[in-house]
Protein backbone atom coordinates (compact mmCIF):
# COMPACT_ATOMS: atom_id res chain seq x y z
CA MET A 1 90.11 44.91 46.96
CA LEU A 2 88.48 46.93 49.75
CA LYS A 3 91.42 46.16 52.05
CA ILE A 4 93.86 47.49 49.43
CA SER A 5 91.77 50.67 49.12
CA TYR A 6 91.84 51.27 52.89
CA TYR A 7 95.61 50.70 52.94
CA SER A 8 96.05 53.21 50.10
CA VAL A 9 94.12 55.85 52.06
CA ASP A 10 96.24 55.15 55.12
CA LEU A 11 99.41 55.42 53.05
CA ILE A 12 98.37 58.83 51.69
CA GLN A 13 97.67 60.02 55.24
CA ILE A 14 101.07 58.75 56.37
CA ILE A 15 102.85 60.56 53.53
CA ILE A 16 101.08 63.88 54.19
CA GLY A 17 101.41 63.47 57.96
CA THR A 18 105.15 62.75 57.90
CA ALA A 19 105.71 65.65 55.48
CA LEU A 20 103.97 68.00 57.94
CA MET A 21 105.94 66.61 60.88
CA ALA A 22 109.19 67.08 58.96
CA ALA A 23 108.22 70.63 57.96
CA GLY A 24 107.48 71.57 61.56
CA THR A 25 110.80 70.10 62.66
CA ALA A 26 113.08 71.29 59.85
CA PHE A 27 111.63 74.78 59.30
CA PHE A 28 110.83 75.79 62.88
CA MET A 29 112.12 73.50 65.64
CA LEU A 30 115.58 72.33 64.60
CA PRO A 31 117.03 75.75 63.52
CA ASN A 32 116.05 77.19 66.92
CA LYS A 33 117.31 74.19 68.94
CA LEU A 34 113.73 73.56 70.05
CA SER A 35 112.21 70.14 70.46
CA THR A 36 108.77 68.60 70.62
CA GLY A 37 110.48 65.65 72.25
CA GLY A 38 110.45 62.19 70.70
CA PHE A 39 113.48 60.76 69.01
CA SER A 40 113.70 63.91 66.90
CA GLY A 41 114.55 65.70 70.16
CA ILE A 42 117.35 63.24 70.86
CA ALA A 43 118.46 63.45 67.22
CA THR A 44 118.63 67.26 67.60
CA ILE A 45 121.20 66.80 70.38
CA PHE A 46 123.31 64.51 68.18
CA TYR A 47 122.90 66.94 65.26
CA TYR A 48 124.43 69.87 67.15
CA LEU A 49 127.01 67.95 69.18
CA PHE A 50 128.32 65.52 66.56
CA ASN A 51 127.02 66.97 63.26
CA THR A 52 125.25 63.67 62.52
CA ASN A 53 122.56 63.11 59.92
CA MET A 54 119.28 63.67 61.76
CA GLY A 55 117.17 61.32 59.64
CA ILE A 56 119.55 58.37 60.00
CA THR A 57 119.84 58.99 63.76
CA ILE A 58 116.05 58.79 64.12
CA LEU A 59 115.99 55.50 62.22
CA ILE A 60 118.69 53.93 64.39
CA LEU A 61 117.05 55.05 67.64
CA ASN A 62 113.74 53.49 66.59
CA ILE A 63 115.03 49.97 65.99
CA PRO A 64 114.44 48.77 69.62
CA LEU A 65 110.88 50.15 69.60
CA PHE A 66 110.17 48.39 66.31
CA ALA A 67 111.21 45.10 67.91
CA ILE A 68 108.79 45.64 70.83
CA ALA A 69 105.98 46.74 68.50
CA CYS A 70 106.42 43.58 66.42
CA PHE A 71 105.50 41.40 69.41
CA LYS A 72 103.02 43.64 71.18
CA ILE A 73 101.12 45.30 68.33
CA GLY A 74 101.52 43.20 65.20
CA LEU A 75 103.19 43.13 61.81
CA ASN A 76 100.54 45.28 60.08
CA PHE A 77 101.15 48.19 62.44
CA LEU A 78 104.89 47.58 62.37
CA SER A 79 105.01 47.85 58.58
CA LYS A 80 103.22 51.21 58.72
CA ALA A 81 105.50 52.37 61.54
CA ILE A 82 108.59 51.54 59.50
CA ILE A 83 107.15 53.35 56.45
CA GLY A 84 106.28 56.37 58.60
CA THR A 85 109.70 56.52 60.24
CA VAL A 86 111.58 56.17 56.95
CA LEU A 87 109.43 58.85 55.30
CA LEU A 88 109.85 61.22 58.25
CA SER A 89 113.62 60.78 58.16
CA MET A 90 113.73 61.38 54.40
CA PHE A 91 111.50 64.47 54.56
CA ILE A 92 113.53 66.01 57.42
CA ASP A 93 116.81 65.55 55.54
CA LEU A 94 115.16 67.06 52.45
CA PHE A 95 113.53 70.06 54.14
CA VAL A 96 116.64 70.98 56.16
CA LYS A 97 118.25 72.01 52.85
CA PHE A 98 115.60 74.70 52.22
CA GLY A 99 116.65 76.93 55.12
CA VAL A 100 114.89 78.56 58.07
CA VAL A 101 111.41 80.12 58.14
CA THR A 102 111.93 82.16 61.33
CA ASN A 103 114.56 82.70 64.00
CA ASP A 104 111.95 83.96 66.47
CA ARG A 105 111.71 81.16 69.03
CA LEU A 106 108.19 82.10 70.12
CA LEU A 107 106.86 81.91 66.56
CA ALA A 108 108.86 78.73 65.97
CA SER A 109 107.41 77.08 69.08
CA ILE A 110 103.83 77.98 68.16
CA TYR A 111 103.87 77.11 64.48
CA GLY A 112 106.20 74.16 64.99
CA GLY A 113 103.80 72.73 67.58
CA ILE A 114 100.73 73.22 65.38
CA ILE A 115 102.24 71.77 62.21
CA THR A 116 103.93 68.87 63.99
CA GLY A 117 100.72 68.13 65.91
CA LEU A 118 98.67 68.04 62.71
CA GLY A 119 101.16 65.72 61.06
CA THR A 120 101.36 63.40 64.07
CA SER A 121 97.55 63.26 64.22
CA MET A 122 97.28 62.21 60.59
CA VAL A 123 99.85 59.46 61.09
CA LEU A 124 98.10 58.15 64.22
CA LYS A 125 94.72 58.38 62.46
CA ALA A 126 96.10 56.00 59.83
CA ASN A 127 96.91 53.55 62.68
CA ALA A 128 100.58 54.14 62.01
CA SER A 129 103.55 55.74 63.72
CA THR A 130 106.82 57.52 63.05
CA GLY A 131 108.51 55.85 65.98
CA GLY A 132 109.68 57.72 69.04
CA SER A 133 107.15 59.07 71.52
CA ASP A 134 104.05 58.45 69.40
CA LEU A 135 104.98 54.78 68.89
CA LEU A 136 105.75 54.43 72.60
CA ALA A 137 102.37 56.05 73.37
CA VAL A 138 100.60 53.53 71.12
CA ILE A 139 102.38 50.65 72.90
CA ILE A 140 101.39 52.03 76.33
CA LYS A 141 97.76 52.44 75.21
CA LYS A 142 97.66 48.72 74.40
CA PHE A 143 98.14 48.10 78.12
CA ARG A 144 96.34 51.19 79.45
CA PRO A 145 93.65 52.12 76.88
CA TYR A 146 92.10 54.76 79.15
CA PHE A 147 95.21 56.96 78.87
CA ARG A 148 94.81 59.85 76.43
CA THR A 149 97.25 59.80 73.52
CA GLY A 150 98.00 63.51 73.70
CA ASN A 151 98.81 63.38 77.41
CA LEU A 152 101.09 60.37 77.01
CA ILE A 153 103.04 62.05 74.24
CA MET A 154 103.36 65.26 76.28
CA ILE A 155 104.80 63.36 79.28
CA ILE A 156 107.32 61.42 77.18
CA ASP A 157 108.32 64.48 75.17
CA SER A 158 108.73 66.66 78.26
CA THR A 159 111.27 64.18 79.62
CA ILE A 160 113.28 64.36 76.39
CA VAL A 161 113.15 68.16 76.38
CA ILE A 162 114.84 68.13 79.78
CA LEU A 163 117.74 66.29 78.12
CA ASN A 164 117.92 69.08 75.53
CA VAL A 165 118.14 71.69 78.28
CA ILE A 166 120.90 69.78 80.07
CA THR A 167 122.82 69.42 76.80
CA PHE A 168 122.50 73.01 75.52
CA LYS A 169 122.44 74.56 79.03
CA GLN A 170 119.65 76.96 78.05
CA LEU A 171 116.54 77.01 80.21
CA GLU A 172 114.86 79.12 77.54
CA ILE A 173 114.84 76.06 75.27
CA ALA A 174 112.65 74.19 77.76
CA LEU A 175 110.27 77.14 78.12
CA TYR A 176 109.71 77.49 74.39
CA SER A 177 109.72 73.73 73.79
CA GLY A 178 107.07 73.42 76.51
CA ILE A 179 104.80 75.69 74.46
CA SER A 180 105.32 73.48 71.41
CA ILE A 181 104.63 70.27 73.31
CA TYR A 182 101.45 71.67 74.89
CA ILE A 183 100.13 72.94 71.55
CA MET A 184 101.05 69.70 69.80
CA GLY A 185 99.27 67.61 72.47
CA LYS A 186 96.10 69.70 72.22
CA VAL A 187 96.09 69.54 68.41
CA ILE A 188 96.44 65.74 68.58
CA ASP A 189 93.58 65.41 71.08
CA VAL A 190 91.26 67.61 69.01
CA PHE A 191 92.12 65.81 65.77
CA LEU A 192 91.82 62.28 67.22
CA GLU A 193 88.99 62.75 69.71
CA GLY A 194 86.88 65.26 67.83
CA ILE A 195 85.98 68.93 67.85
CA HIS A 196 82.26 68.37 68.37
CA PHE A 197 82.23 69.35 72.02
CA ALA A 198 78.88 69.51 73.78
CA LYS A 199 77.57 70.11 77.28
CA ILE A 200 75.65 67.78 79.57
CA VAL A 201 73.15 69.43 81.91
CA TYR A 202 71.77 67.65 85.00
CA ILE A 203 68.80 69.38 86.62
CA ILE A 204 67.29 68.47 89.98
CA SER A 205 64.05 70.35 90.52
CA ASP A 206 60.47 69.90 91.69
CA ARG A 207 59.33 71.37 88.36
CA ASN A 208 61.20 69.09 85.97
CA GLU A 209 58.20 68.68 83.68
CA ASP A 210 57.82 72.44 83.15
CA ILE A 211 61.53 72.86 82.57
CA SER A 212 61.57 69.98 80.09
CA LYS A 213 58.70 71.46 78.05
CA LYS A 214 60.33 74.88 77.90
CA ILE A 215 63.69 73.48 76.79
CA ASN A 216 61.96 71.45 74.10
CA ASN A 217 59.72 74.29 72.86
CA GLU A 218 62.20 77.18 72.99
CA ILE A 219 65.47 75.44 72.08
CA GLY A 220 64.36 72.21 70.43
CA ARG A 221 66.40 69.96 72.69
CA GLY A 222 65.02 66.77 74.15
CA THR A 223 65.46 65.75 77.77
CA THR A 224 65.58 62.45 79.65
CA LEU A 225 64.22 61.80 83.13
CA LEU A 226 66.52 59.80 85.38
CA TYR A 227 65.47 58.31 88.69
CA GLY A 228 67.70 58.93 91.67
CA ARG A 229 67.73 59.02 95.46
CA GLY A 230 69.00 61.81 97.68
CA MET A 231 71.11 59.97 100.22
CA TYR A 232 71.05 62.75 102.85
CA LYS A 233 67.29 62.51 103.42
CA GLY A 234 66.71 59.19 101.68
CA GLU A 235 64.14 60.73 99.32
CA ASP A 236 63.50 59.74 95.72
CA ARG A 237 64.43 62.56 93.33
CA ASN A 238 64.01 62.88 89.59
CA VAL A 239 67.01 64.16 87.61
CA LEU A 240 66.53 65.79 84.24
CA LEU A 241 69.29 65.12 81.69
CA CYS A 242 69.83 67.35 78.67
CA VAL A 243 72.66 67.35 76.10
CA ALA A 244 73.12 70.63 74.26
CA SER A 245 75.68 72.59 72.26
CA ARG A 246 77.83 75.12 74.05
CA ASN A 247 75.99 78.15 72.66
CA GLU A 248 72.66 76.80 73.98
CA ILE A 249 73.76 76.54 77.61
CA GLY A 250 73.01 80.20 78.37
CA GLN A 251 69.41 79.80 77.18
CA ILE A 252 68.95 76.59 79.18
CA THR A 253 70.21 78.13 82.41
CA GLN A 254 67.90 81.12 81.91
CA ILE A 255 64.92 78.79 81.46
CA ILE A 256 65.82 76.94 84.66
CA LYS A 257 66.11 80.20 86.63
CA ARG A 258 62.78 81.49 85.32
CA ILE A 259 60.92 78.35 86.34
CA ASP A 260 62.75 77.29 89.51
CA ARG A 261 65.40 79.56 91.04
CA HIS A 262 66.18 76.87 93.63
CA ALA A 263 66.89 74.14 91.07
CA PHE A 264 70.20 72.30 91.46
CA THR A 265 72.04 72.35 88.12
CA ILE A 266 75.23 70.60 87.07
CA ILE A 267 76.91 71.35 83.73
CA SER A 268 79.75 69.17 82.44
CA ASN A 269 81.64 68.67 79.19
CA ALA A 270 80.98 65.93 76.63
CA ARG A 271 83.89 65.22 74.28
CA GLU A 272 81.70 63.98 71.42
CA VAL A 273 78.00 63.34 70.91
CA PHE A 274 76.55 61.20 68.12
CA GLY A 275 72.90 61.11 67.12
CA LYS A 276 69.99 63.33 66.15
CA GLY A 277 70.83 67.00 66.49
CA PHE A 278 74.55 66.27 66.71
CA LYS A 279 77.23 64.58 64.62
CA GLN A 280 76.00 61.51 62.75
CA ASN A 281 78.06 58.30 62.59
């Protein structure tokens, strides 16, 4: 029963996600000959050159990828991928009939990228696919899990956009499509990997204890003492570790300067942080 419930939630996400992807394509990208890549980009070429049905073209192009996914990913994912691809094709063919939202290519590239990125994210979040570049990205991640989904999709889609430029002989298409692809990739990364960005602060100082107390008392952030060794002189050095939100970094650096102006400080990004004081699992 629980498994059916989870599948129902995934199905709802797939429906909403494919509707958003189709809206971004039909209302913004396709009327302006723009492309976010994927098989919809290839289908756009066929649409303008041969007046073919875009939805059916996408379905046909995806058949080889479905065959690979069946062996490499599994039937459960494949079933969702087929559902997603069919729904996307149906929604595109439906929305094309409603007309154009804007003929301004800059607006089309921005809003098309945002809406398509949101839709793609929802589909991927449901462990599904609509074929094309996002399905190919999922297959690649099975072999190279450390690759970021957004970056993979951007690389694949950029290659397909080049085909659009060659076909329509308009460099402007690539420039505007590049904006869409970049925005779409960033939206996907934020949606899939989280918006709870934080900062990691490493502090090397002779007054770590004083700095730690001040950070705890004034900001309410805990710190952790790490043991290290300076390889240049071969001396043992303590390193203070603190994880804080972005708006707390200014206060932390001021505390460090007040206590030890010669402290060595490193600040880096943390994609997501779980636990007390941050997002809870």
